[in-house]
C-alpha atoms as a PDB file:
ATOM      1  CA  MET A   1     -73.803 -49.236   9.833  1.00  0.00           C
ATOM      2  CA  ASP A   2     -76.898 -48.167   9.605  1.00  0.00           C
ATOM      3  CA  ALA A   3     -77.064 -49.488   5.673  1.00  0.00           C
ATOM      4  CA  MET A   4     -75.811 -52.749   6.721  1.00  0.00           C
ATOM      5  CA  GLN A   5     -78.075 -53.190   9.574  1.00  0.00           C
ATOM      6  CA  GLY A   6     -81.117 -52.109   7.175  1.00  0.00           C
ATOM      7  CA  ASP A   7     -80.108 -54.899   4.774  1.00  0.00           C
ATOM      8  CA  VAL A   8     -80.417 -57.454   7.058  1.00  0.00           C
ATOM      9  CA  LYS A   9     -84.069 -55.908   8.415  1.00  0.00           C
ATOM     10  CA  GLY A  10     -84.884 -56.352   5.200  1.00  0.00           C
ATOM     11  CA  ASN A  11     -84.228 -60.501   5.235  1.00  0.00           C
ATOM     12  CA  ALA A  12     -87.250 -61.962   6.138  1.00  0.00           C
ATOM     13  CA  ALA A  13     -85.019 -65.175   7.274  1.00  0.00           C
ATOM     14  CA  VAL A  14     -82.251 -63.327   9.174  1.00  0.00           C
ATOM     15  CA  ALA A  15     -85.220 -60.744  11.177  1.00  0.00           C
ATOM     16  CA  ALA A  16     -86.957 -63.784  11.960  1.00  0.00           C
ATOM     17  CA  LEU A  17     -83.828 -65.123  13.856  1.00  0.00           C
ATOM     18  CA  PRO A  18     -83.111 -63.999  17.656  1.00  0.00           C
ATOM     19  CA  ASP A  19     -80.046 -62.385  18.027  1.00  0.00           C
ATOM     20  CA  PRO A  20     -77.827 -65.277  19.263  1.00  0.00           C
ATOM     21  CA  VAL A  21     -76.020 -64.843  22.157  1.00  0.00           C
ATOM     22  CA  SER A  22     -73.321 -68.153  21.440  1.00  0.00           C
ATOM     23  CA  GLU A  23     -72.951 -70.057  18.668  1.00  0.00           C
ATOM     24  CA  THR A  24     -74.909 -72.950  20.182  1.00  0.00           C
ATOM     25  CA  ASP A  25     -77.988 -70.392  20.451  1.00  0.00           C
ATOM     26  CA  GLU A  26     -77.205 -69.280  16.616  1.00  0.00           C
ATOM     27  CA  LEU A  27     -77.208 -72.626  15.680  1.00  0.00           C
ATOM     28  CA  ASP A  28     -80.327 -73.448  17.477  1.00  0.00           C
ATOM     29  CA  ALA A  29     -82.556 -70.205  16.017  1.00  0.00           C
ATOM     30  CA  ILE A  30     -80.880 -71.910  12.536  1.00  0.00           C
ATOM     31  CA  LEU A  31     -82.487 -74.847  12.907  1.00  0.00           C
ATOM     32  CA  ASP A  32     -85.450 -73.690  14.482  1.00  0.00           C
ATOM     33  CA  ARG A  33     -86.468 -71.567  11.676  1.00  0.00           C
ATOM     34  CA  ALA A  34     -85.263 -74.667   8.918  1.00  0.00           C
ATOM     35  CA  ALA A  35     -87.723 -76.600  10.568  1.00  0.00           C
ATOM     36  CA  MET A  36     -90.650 -73.871  10.664  1.00  0.00           C
ATOM     37  CA  MET A  37     -89.601 -73.379   6.985  1.00  0.00           C
ATOM     38  CA  SER A  38     -90.060 -77.166   6.567  1.00  0.00           C
ATOM     39  CA  VAL A  39     -93.595 -77.456   8.101  1.00  0.00           C
ATOM     40  CA  GLU A  40     -94.676 -74.162   6.498  1.00  0.00           C
ATOM     41  CA  HIS A  41     -93.901 -76.349   3.347  1.00  0.00           C
ATOM     42  CA  GLY A  42     -95.710 -79.302   4.322  1.00  0.00           C
ATOM     43  CA  ASP A  43     -92.417 -81.450   4.050  1.00  0.00           C
ATOM     44  CA  ASP A  44     -92.551 -84.969   5.439  1.00  0.00           C
ATOM     45  CA  PRO A  45     -90.721 -85.181   8.762  1.00  0.00           C
ATOM     46  CA  ASP A  46     -88.101 -87.875   7.693  1.00  0.00           C
ATOM     47  CA  GLU A  47     -87.154 -85.559   4.575  1.00  0.00           C
ATOM     48  CA  PHE A  48     -86.200 -82.967   6.419  1.00  0.00           C
ATOM     49  CA  MET A  49     -84.593 -85.040   8.612  1.00  0.00           C
ATOM     50  CA  SER A  50     -82.491 -87.099   6.225  1.00  0.00           C
ATOM     51  CA  ALA A  51     -81.659 -83.771   3.958  1.00  0.00           C
ATOM     52  CA  ALA A  52     -80.406 -81.971   7.735  1.00  0.00           C
ATOM     53  CA  ARG A  53     -78.142 -85.314   7.949  1.00  0.00           C
ATOM     54  CA  ASP A  54     -77.334 -85.035   4.650  1.00  0.00           C
ATOM     55  CA  ALA A  55     -76.056 -81.182   4.915  1.00  0.00           C
ATOM     56  CA  TYR A  56     -74.064 -82.183   8.118  1.00  0.00           C
ATOM     57  CA  LEU A  57     -71.952 -84.903   6.043  1.00  0.00           C
ATOM     58  CA  ARG A  58     -71.122 -83.004   3.495  1.00  0.00           C
ATOM     59  CA  ALA A  59     -69.861 -80.040   5.715  1.00  0.00           C
ATOM     60  CA  ASN A  60     -68.145 -82.765   7.795  1.00  0.00           C
ATOM     61  CA  PRO A  61     -66.089 -85.248   5.224  1.00  0.00           C
ATOM     62  CA  GLU A  62     -64.362 -87.042   7.153  1.00  0.00           C
ATOM     63  CA  LEU A  63     -67.089 -87.919   9.368  1.00  0.00           C
ATOM     64  CA  ARG A  64     -68.760 -88.953   5.845  1.00  0.00           C
ATOM     65  CA  GLU A  65     -65.974 -90.945   5.063  1.00  0.00           C
ATOM     66  CA  HIS A  66     -66.116 -92.963   9.025  1.00  0.00           C
ATOM     67  CA  VAL A  67     -70.119 -93.298   8.527  1.00  0.00           C
ATOM     68  CA  GLU A  68     -69.624 -94.836   4.637  1.00  0.00           C
ATOM     69  CA  ARG A  69     -66.629 -97.477   6.073  1.00  0.00           C
ATOM     70  CA  THR A  70     -68.699 -98.299   8.978  1.00  0.00           C
ATOM     71  CA  ASN A  71     -71.913 -99.365   6.988  1.00  0.00           C
ATOM     72  CA  MET A  72     -69.285-100.736   3.801  1.00  0.00           C
ATOM     73  CA  LEU A  73     -68.055-103.140   7.226  1.00  0.00           C
ATOM     74  CA  ALA A  74     -71.496-103.430   8.517  1.00  0.00           C
ATOM     75  CA  GLN A  75     -72.728-105.202   5.475  1.00  0.00           C
ATOM     76  CA  MET A  76     -69.797-106.957   4.291  1.00  0.00           C
ATOM     77  CA  GLU A  77     -69.864-108.662   7.919  1.00  0.00           C
ATOM     78  CA  ALA A  78     -73.839-109.322   7.083  1.00  0.00           C
ATOM     79  CA  LEU A  79     -73.565-111.097   3.647  1.00  0.00           C
ATOM     80  CA  ARG A  80     -70.578-113.074   5.202  1.00  0.00           C
ATOM     81  CA  ARG A  81     -72.804-114.542   8.361  1.00  0.00           C
ATOM     82  CA  LEU A  82     -75.446-115.210   5.067  1.00  0.00           C
ATOM     83  CA  GLY A  83     -72.210-117.624   3.407  1.00  0.00           C
ATOM     84  CA  ILE A  84     -72.749-114.956   0.787  1.00  0.00           C
ATOM     85  CA  LEU A  85     -68.779-113.030   0.738  1.00  0.00           C
ATOM     86  CA  ALA A  86     -66.057-115.383   2.128  1.00  0.00           C
ATOM     87  CA  GLN A  87     -63.471-113.947   5.134  1.00  0.00           C
ATOM     88  CA  ALA A  88     -60.295-113.490   3.470  1.00  0.00           C
END
């Protein structure tokens, strides 16, 4: 068991995370670390938020499909209001 703990302690990203007491705490710690890395690298905040959203949607295909369908329907409605797309 000590060998495994040594491996974890050797990983700077994992070592920087506090000991999570719940899944929410673990998620908060991971997101905090990702945000800190983004700031350290000088990433644009909008790009960071977009990447986080994209990662979440990749992890949840059903939600991604729902968002895509909702966006498509909104675009179709906008085109209908402009008279570009006929109503069925």
